[in-house]
Amino acid sequence: MQPSAGGAGAGGAPLLADLTTLHVGGPADRYVEATSEEELVTAVRDADAAGEPVLVLGGGSNLLVADAGFPGLVVRDVRTGVQVPDASACAGVTLTVPAGTPWEDLVDHVVDNELVGLEALAGIPGSTGAAPVQNIGAYGQEVAQTIAQVRVWDRGRGAVRTLPLVTLAFGYRTSLLKRSMQPGFAEPVRRGDATPDPRAPWRPTPRYVVLDVTFQLRPGSLGAPVTYAELARALDVPVGGRAPLGDVRAAVLALRRGKGMVLDPADADTSSAGSFFTNPVLDEAAAAALPAEAPRWPVPGEPGRVKTSAAWLIEHAGFHRGWGHGAASLSTKHTLAVTNRGAATAADVLGVARAVRDGVARRFGVRLEPEPVLVGVSL
């Protein structure tokens, strides 16, 4: 386990601004880099035993950290690699990936090795371990479609556990892992039964610290059927059509770059935490109250629930691309991202986000929910 060798905080801990894609946040009280599973588990277990707050960090792409920093231990998982424990023509290919592996490295690996299922998730920043926590998704794919299981350190039980797909309970931008960060969380113990967790909510790190993720992928040279109209147009295929894996990845990266959603140090629009708000999921009555032209989509597996577009609500509430308060603003390419224009503080970012949230609520009666994990701050 490697302690910090320099920085601005006590004991040489680096600024969280240097470890997150929003480039915002003060120092940690303590900072270590875990180079093995044992080091990661030991660091978290010992901090929990001492009552010390813990922030486990991967790519830092989904965090907004307070200007005062983090009053506890930051553990950065720097493990990488891809293991292939099983590959057969019938069952497909099983990949097990350490949580610290950059997500883009995994996408490149599977596309280059002609494995189907992650190609539309190219360009998403962050680590592989963060992917199942919020069930990342884009352009018609979600990571839940290819995950077989997730191995975790269960902070509540003090044990390493393997959580199968059914236990992970994936939903739109959520999972069992993420739900452990919410008040009232109950641990599932058997089908249809759960036990209230007295230590919930677990924040800013979930109860379940991801150690590695196992994917089940199908060999093939063509990507999965394209269900997202914008991507289908970019590939010049009909919705439901297919295209070579490499072409899908390239088209997704081009679309994301056009929205400032691929990290680029020269582009201030990419200094963000990605989409700051999730698309609202409403009941049918709330959805019917929106203007007729507002986008609406059914939510798979949730009868009577309707998803609408946060970006549409933001734009039609009067917030244009680039709207903001100087140091922080909405992206000039995409209204869902709140960006750091170079010297923003957490307070600056929150000021923009609050104004947008409150403006949408006044105009449409819909409360937008933040997608990033808020560390030491609240919206």
Protein backbone atom coordinates (compact mmCIF):
# COMPACT_ATOMS: atom_id res chain seq x y z
CA MET A 1 0.00 0.00 0.00
CA GLN A 2 1.50 3.28 -1.13
CA PRO A 3 0.93 6.45 0.93
CA SER A 4 0.90 9.80 -0.78
CA ALA A 5 4.34 11.13 -1.62
CA GLY A 6 3.33 14.77 -1.87
CA GLY A 7 0.51 17.24 -2.16
CA ALA A 8 -1.29 20.00 -0.36
CA GLY A 9 -2.95 18.24 2.55
CA ALA A 10 -1.85 17.05 5.95
CA GLY A 11 0.75 14.33 5.62
CA GLY A 12 1.23 15.19 1.95
CA ALA A 13 -2.25 14.04 0.90
CA PRO A 14 -3.14 15.29 -2.59
CA LEU A 15 -6.02 17.60 -3.32
CA LEU A 16 -9.17 15.76 -4.39
CA ALA A 17 -9.27 18.31 -7.20
CA ASP A 18 -6.27 16.49 -8.68
CA LEU A 19 -7.99 13.09 -8.45
CA THR A 20 -11.41 13.93 -9.88
CA THR A 21 -12.59 14.88 -13.36
CA LEU A 22 -14.42 17.97 -12.03
CA HIS A 23 -11.07 19.19 -10.65
CA VAL A 24 -12.77 20.37 -7.47
CA GLY A 25 -12.14 19.44 -3.85
CA GLY A 26 -9.71 20.02 -1.00
CA PRO A 27 -7.25 17.55 0.55
CA ALA A 28 -7.87 14.29 2.36
CA ASP A 29 -6.70 13.81 5.92
CA ARG A 30 -5.00 10.60 4.76
CA TYR A 31 -4.42 9.06 1.34
CA VAL A 32 -3.17 5.64 0.24
CA GLU A 33 -3.03 3.75 -3.03
CA ALA A 34 -4.00 0.09 -2.91
CA THR A 35 -2.03 -2.13 -5.29
CA SER A 36 -3.63 -5.43 -4.23
CA GLU A 37 -6.99 -6.70 -3.05
CA GLU A 38 -5.53 -7.40 0.38
CA GLU A 39 -4.31 -3.82 0.71
CA LEU A 40 -7.69 -2.44 -0.35
CA VAL A 41 -9.65 -4.60 2.09
CA THR A 42 -7.21 -3.94 4.94
CA ALA A 43 -7.34 -0.17 4.47
CA VAL A 44 -11.14 -0.07 4.47
CA ARG A 45 -11.53 -2.57 7.33
CA ASP A 46 -9.04 -0.79 9.57
CA ALA A 47 -10.56 2.62 8.92
CA ASP A 48 -14.05 1.29 9.65
CA ALA A 49 -12.82 -0.29 12.88
CA ALA A 50 -11.31 3.04 13.95
CA GLY A 51 -14.46 4.98 13.07
CA GLU A 52 -12.60 6.89 10.37
CA PRO A 53 -14.60 8.02 7.31
CA VAL A 54 -13.56 6.24 4.10
CA LEU A 55 -13.72 7.32 0.48
CA VAL A 56 -12.72 4.61 -2.01
CA LEU A 57 -11.69 6.25 -5.25
CA GLY A 58 -11.29 4.89 -8.77
CA GLY A 59 -11.28 7.28 -11.70
CA GLY A 60 -12.92 10.09 -9.72
CA SER A 61 -15.36 10.78 -12.54
CA ASN A 62 -18.58 10.75 -10.53
CA LEU A 63 -17.67 12.85 -7.49
CA LEU A 64 -18.19 16.39 -6.26
CA VAL A 65 -15.99 16.93 -3.20
CA ALA A 66 -16.18 19.80 -0.74
CA ASP A 67 -13.65 22.62 -0.93
CA ALA A 68 -12.61 21.72 2.62
CA GLY A 69 -11.60 18.26 1.44
CA PHE A 70 -12.35 14.90 3.05
CA PRO A 71 -11.97 14.39 6.82
CA GLY A 72 -10.83 10.79 6.64
CA LEU A 73 -9.04 8.19 4.56
CA VAL A 74 -9.08 8.26 0.75
CA VAL A 75 -8.13 4.91 -0.75
CA ARG A 76 -7.39 4.89 -4.44
CA ASP A 77 -7.65 1.49 -6.13
CA VAL A 78 -4.86 1.36 -8.73
CA ARG A 79 -5.17 -2.34 -9.65
CA THR A 80 -5.63 -3.07 -13.36
CA GLY A 81 -5.85 -6.01 -15.75
CA VAL A 82 -8.28 -8.40 -17.41
CA GLN A 83 -8.47 -12.12 -16.58
CA VAL A 84 -10.21 -14.68 -18.80
CA PRO A 85 -11.18 -17.62 -16.56
CA ASP A 86 -13.45 -19.18 -19.20
CA ALA A 87 -13.90 -18.91 -22.96
CA SER A 88 -16.07 -21.28 -24.95
CA ALA A 89 -18.15 -21.04 -28.07
CA CYS A 90 -21.30 -22.11 -26.21
CA ALA A 91 -21.10 -20.10 -23.01
CA GLY A 92 -19.33 -17.09 -24.45
CA VAL A 93 -16.35 -15.44 -22.82
CA THR A 94 -16.06 -14.69 -19.11
CA LEU A 95 -13.87 -11.76 -18.09
CA THR A 96 -12.96 -10.85 -14.52
CA VAL A 97 -11.66 -7.32 -14.11
CA PRO A 98 -10.18 -5.63 -10.99
CA ALA A 99 -12.23 -2.66 -9.84
CA GLY A 100 -9.43 -0.15 -10.41
CA THR A 101 -9.09 -0.91 -14.14
CA PRO A 102 -9.99 2.17 -16.21
CA TRP A 103 -13.32 1.55 -17.92
CA GLU A 104 -12.02 2.69 -21.30
CA ASP A 105 -9.21 0.10 -21.12
CA LEU A 106 -11.81 -2.64 -20.68
CA VAL A 107 -13.97 -1.38 -23.57
CA ASP A 108 -10.92 -1.25 -25.84
CA HIS A 109 -9.94 -4.77 -24.80
CA VAL A 110 -13.30 -6.33 -25.56
CA VAL A 111 -13.80 -4.50 -28.85
CA ASP A 112 -10.28 -5.32 -30.04
CA ASN A 113 -10.88 -8.98 -29.12
CA GLU A 114 -14.29 -9.07 -30.85
CA LEU A 115 -16.46 -9.46 -27.78
CA VAL A 116 -19.96 -7.99 -27.92
CA GLY A 117 -21.85 -5.99 -25.33
CA LEU A 118 -19.81 -2.98 -24.16
CA GLU A 119 -19.08 -1.20 -27.45
CA ALA A 120 -21.75 1.50 -26.95
CA LEU A 121 -20.27 2.32 -23.52
CA ALA A 122 -17.02 3.63 -25.01
CA GLY A 123 -15.70 6.95 -23.75
CA ILE A 124 -17.31 6.80 -20.30
CA PRO A 125 -14.67 7.96 -17.81
CA GLY A 126 -14.01 6.24 -14.53
CA SER A 127 -13.12 2.78 -13.26
CA THR A 128 -14.62 -0.64 -13.84
CA GLY A 129 -15.56 -0.91 -10.17
CA ALA A 130 -17.79 2.15 -10.41
CA ALA A 131 -19.71 0.76 -13.40
CA PRO A 132 -22.04 -1.62 -11.53
CA VAL A 133 -22.64 0.81 -8.65
CA GLN A 134 -24.74 3.14 -10.78
CA ASN A 135 -25.37 0.72 -13.64
CA ILE A 136 -23.70 2.96 -16.21
CA GLY A 137 -25.41 3.17 -19.55
CA ALA A 138 -25.39 5.04 -22.85
CA TYR A 139 -26.71 4.75 -26.38
CA GLY A 140 -29.01 1.85 -25.64
CA GLN A 141 -26.64 -0.30 -23.56
CA GLU A 142 -26.37 -0.74 -19.80
CA VAL A 143 -23.60 -2.56 -18.01
CA ALA A 144 -26.20 -4.71 -16.24
CA GLN A 145 -26.79 -6.49 -19.56
CA THR A 146 -23.35 -8.14 -19.42
CA ILE A 147 -22.45 -8.47 -15.72
CA ALA A 148 -22.52 -11.99 -14.29
CA GLN A 149 -21.38 -11.21 -10.75
CA VAL A 150 -19.52 -8.71 -8.58
CA ARG A 151 -17.11 -9.60 -5.79
CA VAL A 152 -17.21 -7.12 -2.92
CA TRP A 153 -15.88 -6.40 0.53
CA ASP A 154 -19.07 -6.24 2.59
CA ARG A 155 -18.33 -3.63 5.27
CA GLY A 156 -21.44 -4.63 7.20
CA ARG A 157 -20.55 -8.30 7.49
CA GLY A 158 -16.78 -7.86 7.44
CA ALA A 159 -16.41 -10.45 4.69
CA VAL A 160 -15.65 -10.90 1.00
CA ARG A 161 -18.84 -11.85 -0.85
CA THR A 162 -19.82 -12.73 -4.39
CA LEU A 163 -23.05 -11.03 -5.47
CA PRO A 164 -24.77 -12.65 -8.48
CA LEU A 165 -26.74 -10.71 -11.03
CA VAL A 166 -30.10 -11.34 -9.37
CA THR A 167 -28.86 -10.02 -6.01
CA LEU A 168 -27.40 -6.86 -7.55
CA ALA A 169 -30.96 -5.70 -8.34
CA PHE A 170 -30.00 -3.34 -11.15
CA GLY A 171 -32.30 -0.50 -12.18
CA TYR A 172 -31.96 2.78 -14.05
CA ARG A 173 -28.66 4.23 -12.79
CA THR A 174 -28.89 2.23 -9.59
CA SER A 175 -28.11 -1.11 -7.96
CA LEU A 176 -28.02 -2.81 -4.58
CA LEU A 177 -24.56 -1.27 -4.17
CA LYS A 178 -25.82 2.27 -4.66
CA ARG A 179 -28.96 1.73 -2.59
CA SER A 180 -26.77 0.97 0.44
CA MET A 181 -25.88 4.69 0.37
CA GLN A 182 -29.50 5.68 0.98
CA PRO A 183 -31.43 6.02 4.27
CA GLY A 184 -33.63 3.06 5.06
CA PHE A 185 -31.51 0.56 3.14
CA ALA A 186 -32.37 -3.07 3.92
CA GLU A 187 -30.03 -5.96 3.08
CA PRO A 188 -31.72 -8.71 1.05
CA VAL A 189 -31.38 -12.04 2.87
CA ARG A 190 -33.65 -14.19 0.70
CA ARG A 191 -36.07 -13.69 -2.15
CA GLY A 192 -38.71 -11.19 -1.06
CA ASP A 193 -37.19 -10.66 2.38
CA ALA A 194 -34.75 -8.07 3.70
CA THR A 195 -33.20 -6.99 6.98
CA PRO A 196 -32.92 -3.24 7.82
CA ASP A 197 -29.30 -2.12 7.96
CA PRO A 198 -28.81 -0.05 11.14
CA ARG A 199 -25.64 1.56 9.74
CA ALA A 200 -27.26 2.86 6.58
CA PRO A 201 -26.78 5.14 4.83
CA TRP A 202 -23.19 4.20 3.99
CA ARG A 203 -21.58 7.32 2.57
CA PRO A 204 -19.61 8.41 0.69
CA THR A 205 -18.51 4.83 -0.05
CA PRO A 206 -21.18 2.11 -0.34
CA ARG A 207 -21.43 -0.73 2.13
CA TYR A 208 -20.22 -3.01 -0.66
CA VAL A 209 -16.71 -2.07 -1.88
CA VAL A 210 -16.23 -3.54 -5.33
CA LEU A 211 -13.17 -5.80 -5.65
CA ASP A 212 -13.72 -7.14 -9.15
CA VAL A 213 -16.44 -7.48 -11.76
CA THR A 214 -17.15 -10.56 -13.89
CA PHE A 215 -18.68 -10.07 -17.33
CA GLN A 216 -20.21 -12.64 -19.68
CA LEU A 217 -19.73 -11.57 -23.29
CA ARG A 218 -20.53 -13.12 -26.65
CA PRO A 219 -17.88 -13.44 -29.38
CA GLY A 220 -18.67 -11.66 -32.62
CA SER A 221 -17.49 -9.05 -35.08
CA LEU A 222 -20.78 -7.12 -35.16
CA GLY A 223 -22.04 -5.10 -32.24
CA ALA A 224 -25.34 -5.70 -30.50
CA PRO A 225 -28.46 -4.46 -32.32
CA VAL A 226 -28.50 -0.65 -32.21
CA THR A 227 -31.58 0.51 -30.32
CA TYR A 228 -30.67 4.20 -29.92
CA ALA A 229 -31.86 6.32 -32.85
CA GLU A 230 -29.04 8.90 -32.68
CA LEU A 231 -26.41 6.16 -32.81
CA ALA A 232 -28.24 4.36 -35.61
CA ARG A 233 -28.19 7.56 -37.68
CA ALA A 234 -24.48 8.04 -37.03
CA LEU A 235 -23.81 4.48 -38.21
CA ASP A 236 -26.24 4.74 -41.14
CA VAL A 237 -28.11 1.63 -40.05
CA PRO A 238 -31.79 1.22 -39.16
CA VAL A 239 -32.81 1.02 -35.51
CA GLY A 240 -32.33 -2.62 -34.64
CA GLY A 241 -29.57 -2.98 -37.23
CA ARG A 242 -25.99 -3.95 -36.50
CA ALA A 243 -22.55 -2.60 -37.39
CA PRO A 244 -18.94 -3.71 -36.84
CA LEU A 245 -17.78 -3.38 -33.23
CA GLY A 246 -15.02 -0.91 -34.09
CA ASP A 247 -17.44 1.26 -36.04
CA VAL A 248 -19.86 1.37 -33.11
CA ARG A 249 -17.09 2.36 -30.72
CA ALA A 250 -15.85 5.08 -33.09
CA ALA A 251 -19.35 6.46 -33.64
CA VAL A 252 -20.06 6.56 -29.91
CA LEU A 253 -16.78 8.34 -29.21
CA ALA A 254 -17.56 10.92 -31.92
CA LEU A 255 -21.02 11.54 -30.49
CA ARG A 256 -19.66 11.87 -26.97
CA ARG A 257 -16.89 14.25 -28.08
CA GLY A 258 -19.49 16.43 -29.74
CA LYS A 259 -21.18 16.70 -26.33
CA GLY A 260 -17.98 17.25 -24.34
CA MET A 261 -18.31 13.80 -22.76
CA VAL A 262 -14.85 12.41 -23.58
CA LEU A 263 -12.07 13.64 -21.32
CA ASP A 264 -9.79 16.15 -23.03
CA PRO A 265 -7.47 18.46 -21.03
CA ALA A 266 -7.74 21.07 -23.77
CA ASP A 267 -11.56 21.19 -23.60
CA ALA A 268 -13.07 22.82 -20.49
CA ASP A 269 -16.42 21.23 -21.34
CA THR A 270 -14.96 17.87 -20.27
CA SER A 271 -14.02 19.15 -16.78
CA SER A 272 -17.19 17.74 -15.31
CA ALA A 273 -18.69 14.75 -13.53
CA GLY A 274 -20.54 13.77 -16.69
CA SER A 275 -24.30 14.17 -16.61
CA PHE A 276 -25.04 16.03 -13.38
CA PHE A 277 -28.70 14.96 -13.26
CA THR A 278 -30.38 11.65 -13.99
CA ASN A 279 -33.36 11.49 -16.30
CA PRO A 280 -36.47 11.72 -14.08
CA VAL A 281 -38.64 8.61 -13.75
CA LEU A 282 -42.23 9.70 -13.10
CA ASP A 283 -45.58 8.12 -12.49
CA GLU A 284 -48.07 8.34 -15.31
CA ALA A 285 -49.93 11.33 -13.82
CA ALA A 286 -46.74 13.41 -13.44
CA ALA A 287 -45.63 12.49 -16.95
CA ALA A 288 -49.03 13.45 -18.36
CA ALA A 289 -48.72 16.89 -16.75
CA LEU A 290 -45.62 17.69 -18.83
CA PRO A 291 -45.97 19.54 -22.14
CA ALA A 292 -47.05 17.28 -24.99
CA GLU A 293 -43.68 17.66 -26.73
CA ALA A 294 -41.65 16.50 -23.72
CA PRO A 295 -39.88 13.18 -24.41
CA ARG A 296 -41.38 10.12 -22.76
CA TRP A 297 -40.14 6.53 -22.64
CA PRO A 298 -41.50 3.48 -20.84
CA VAL A 299 -39.31 2.09 -18.07
CA PRO A 300 -38.61 -1.63 -18.63
CA GLY A 301 -39.79 -3.74 -15.73
CA GLU A 302 -41.64 -0.84 -14.06
CA PRO A 303 -45.27 -0.72 -15.25
CA GLY A 304 -46.83 2.70 -14.85
CA ARG A 305 -43.49 4.48 -14.74
CA VAL A 306 -42.33 6.90 -17.44
CA LYS A 307 -38.86 8.34 -18.03
CA THR A 308 -38.38 11.81 -19.46
CA SER A 309 -35.33 13.82 -20.53
CA ALA A 310 -33.53 15.93 -17.94
CA ALA A 311 -31.76 17.80 -20.74
CA TRP A 312 -35.10 18.72 -22.37
CA LEU A 313 -36.49 19.97 -19.05
CA ILE A 314 -33.37 22.04 -18.37
CA GLU A 315 -33.36 23.66 -21.80
CA HIS A 316 -37.10 24.38 -21.75
CA ALA A 317 -36.83 25.86 -18.26
CA GLY A 318 -34.63 28.56 -19.78
CA PHE A 319 -31.11 27.26 -19.15
CA HIS A 320 -29.06 27.33 -22.33
CA ARG A 321 -25.73 25.74 -23.09
CA GLY A 322 -22.99 27.70 -21.37
CA TRP A 323 -25.34 29.20 -18.77
CA GLY A 324 -23.59 29.78 -15.47
CA HIS A 325 -21.78 31.92 -12.95
CA GLY A 326 -18.36 32.44 -14.52
CA ALA A 327 -16.04 29.86 -12.95
CA ALA A 328 -18.70 27.16 -13.32
CA SER A 329 -21.31 26.79 -16.05
CA LEU A 330 -23.34 24.34 -18.01
CA SER A 331 -21.33 22.81 -20.81
CA THR A 332 -21.32 24.79 -24.05
CA LYS A 333 -22.10 21.51 -25.81
CA HIS A 334 -24.58 19.74 -23.53
CA THR A 335 -26.89 21.13 -20.86
CA LEU A 336 -26.72 18.07 -18.60
CA ALA A 337 -23.10 18.69 -17.59
CA VAL A 338 -22.00 21.28 -15.03
CA THR A 339 -18.42 22.19 -15.86
CA ASN A 340 -15.40 23.74 -14.18
CA ARG A 341 -14.16 26.49 -16.49
CA GLY A 342 -10.74 26.48 -14.84
CA ALA A 343 -10.89 27.79 -11.29
CA ALA A 344 -14.30 26.74 -9.95
CA THR A 345 -14.90 25.74 -6.36
CA ALA A 346 -17.40 23.17 -5.16
CA ALA A 347 -19.60 26.10 -4.12
CA ASP A 348 -19.50 27.45 -7.68
CA VAL A 349 -20.54 24.09 -9.14
CA LEU A 350 -23.32 23.68 -6.59
CA GLY A 351 -24.58 27.19 -7.29
CA VAL A 352 -25.14 26.34 -10.96
CA ALA A 353 -26.66 22.95 -10.16
CA ARG A 354 -29.07 24.41 -7.57
CA ALA A 355 -30.23 27.12 -9.92
CA VAL A 356 -30.95 24.57 -12.63
CA ARG A 357 -32.68 22.15 -10.26
CA ASP A 358 -34.86 24.87 -8.75
CA GLY A 359 -35.68 26.39 -12.15
CA VAL A 360 -36.86 23.04 -13.52
CA ALA A 361 -38.95 22.46 -10.39
CA ARG A 362 -40.64 25.86 -10.73
CA ARG A 363 -41.36 25.41 -14.42
CA PHE A 364 -42.39 21.76 -14.57
CA GLY A 365 -42.90 20.54 -10.99
CA VAL A 366 -40.18 17.92 -11.44
CA ARG A 367 -37.26 17.67 -9.03
CA LEU A 368 -34.01 16.68 -10.72
CA GLU A 369 -31.78 14.32 -8.78
CA PRO A 370 -27.96 14.57 -8.91
CA GLU A 371 -26.04 11.69 -10.46
CA PRO A 372 -22.58 12.33 -8.90
CA VAL A 373 -21.79 11.31 -5.34
CA LEU A 374 -21.70 14.47 -3.20
CA VAL A 375 -18.88 14.32 -0.64
CA GLY A 376 -19.11 16.81 2.21
CA VAL A 377 -21.65 18.95 0.36
CA SER A 378 -25.36 18.84 -0.35
CA LEU A 379 -27.54 20.10 -3.15
